[in-house]
């Protein structure tokens, strides 16, 4: 089912030719070569093509599949082109694509000369652009917007799909919103491709009578975009880190049903600065605006989704416990949002995953009151509305949150399939092994993708979603992912955060003195030295201990001195952990 027919809605050009000339880059629609634009390599200015105005022979012609935007650095303008894609399914009948590769193209051959400091800064910016090129989880469509959920989409004014794609999109979920601004200013509507970061998964259910399609689409908010350790909690506007809207769609026999959930970091001001510890200390930031931050966050949710239930899955002891207690105390001041605390590790640990039913029992009345899903009939009529949303969080809003959301989604799925006649009143998805496996796989792969975007690794607790229990293979994979997270968080995410801040416009490049790039990361140069000293010390200690075995006290004393020196270096490295770890240079924590 399509909300509007294919014949009367706005479409983007789906295949483009890139012509590279010495003085400009020219981008044309393959299906209509007179439609396109050029970017000057002298000043980065964009001009719309008027007929076949290109003279001369290009040095290179290549096919691209979209323009994600442009960005101006110190040396000039760079354009981000989608160089490969793959079709991953359909959304309401329209093909959806995943970006498989992107490339920044330089339009700066005639740029002004740079000072030595500017060259250093530009080199760093270009390194960030290289990281942006490999951004995971980007999706788009040439024929429909995918940033607006079904219920909101259906209530928009008739003719909404006739608007340019970028006008249809919800700015909160447009990953490249900042870098399409110049294209918007030049009114290149047919080339402006809103990209969604998140996840898109789809599968077929056989059921008993007719096949059904289940689609899982997650939309990552760009308001507080970032990496796991460098974007925690909320900012002063109430935007939270790792805020994601997840929509589960069911299409069956002409019916379309949608179930929405959201996740997001605890909406307080807090941080967890990496310092080489496996689990850095959480720090709640004392601020006069704390209550307002929480209020702003939930006001936005109430306006957007209606009645909201906040489910907190954090531990009730240690640092997590302190943060959870502070969250609960602030939530007591809000009269229009229900707060539910559920210690996931305590109640569902040690293989007791079935205890998550206790959480469902506690919120089932709210779940029913919210409507549980949005449903359209075969003629496009509204049969049911979702009047609220469940907002889940743990510390990272990844692993425990994904397990919980998949459980609630399963409950909603059963109710939706019963309502449209695919199931009887006593049927549930767990009774159909192959279909249940498809459902679980969608949620596992979605969890992995969201985790890769925020933490740099696959999700943990994947076994709980897939098997309902922890397996030995799953524990080993979780251990490997946990070690990988430690490495990325400590030694890569500072630079990755800078790349995100640059491409999202949270940081803008400034021209002229003083140097545009703050020098915060000189301590990183000590990392190779510290590593060499540690490795050298451990090696020498090992050799001297082997030689000392069975020999005199003097050899043993030498080994002891080497070991002491190595321990001293280790203590020095640990005490300076914050300086050694990779830190963002462009933007502050809030």
Foldseek 3Di string as FASTA:
>chain_A
DALDDLPQFAFAQFKWKWFAAPFWIWIARPVGRQFTWIAGLAARDIDTGHGPPDDDHGPDMDMFGAWAFWAAFQQHIKTKTQRDWDFADDDRRFTKIFRPWIDIDHSRPNGDDDDPLSVVVVVLLVVLVVVVRRQPAKMFTRQAADQDDDVVLLPDDPCLRRDQRVSSHDLQQFLQNPRCVSVVVNVSSSRHTGIGGADWHKDWDPFDDHIKIKIKTKGFTLPQEAAQQLFAAADLQLDFYRKMKIWIWMDDPLKIKIFIAIEGHLNFDKGFFFQLDLGGAIGGDDDPSGLVSNVSNVVVQCVVANQEEEEEQEACDDRRVVVVVVSVVSVVVDDRYHYHYHPCCVQCNPLNLVSLVVVCVVCVVVCVVQFLMWMAGNVRDTPTHRRHYYYYYYRRCAAVVLLSVLVSVQVSVQVVCCVVVSDPPPDGQVVPVVSLQSSLVRSQVSSQSSCCNHQVGGYAPSCCSRPVGADPVSVVRNVVRSVVSSCCSFAPRQSNRQSSCDSSVVFGHDDDPPNRWAPQQPLLVCLVVLVVLLVVLVVVLVVLVVVPVPDDPVSVVVSVVSVVVNVVSVVVSSVRSSNNGRHHGTDHSD
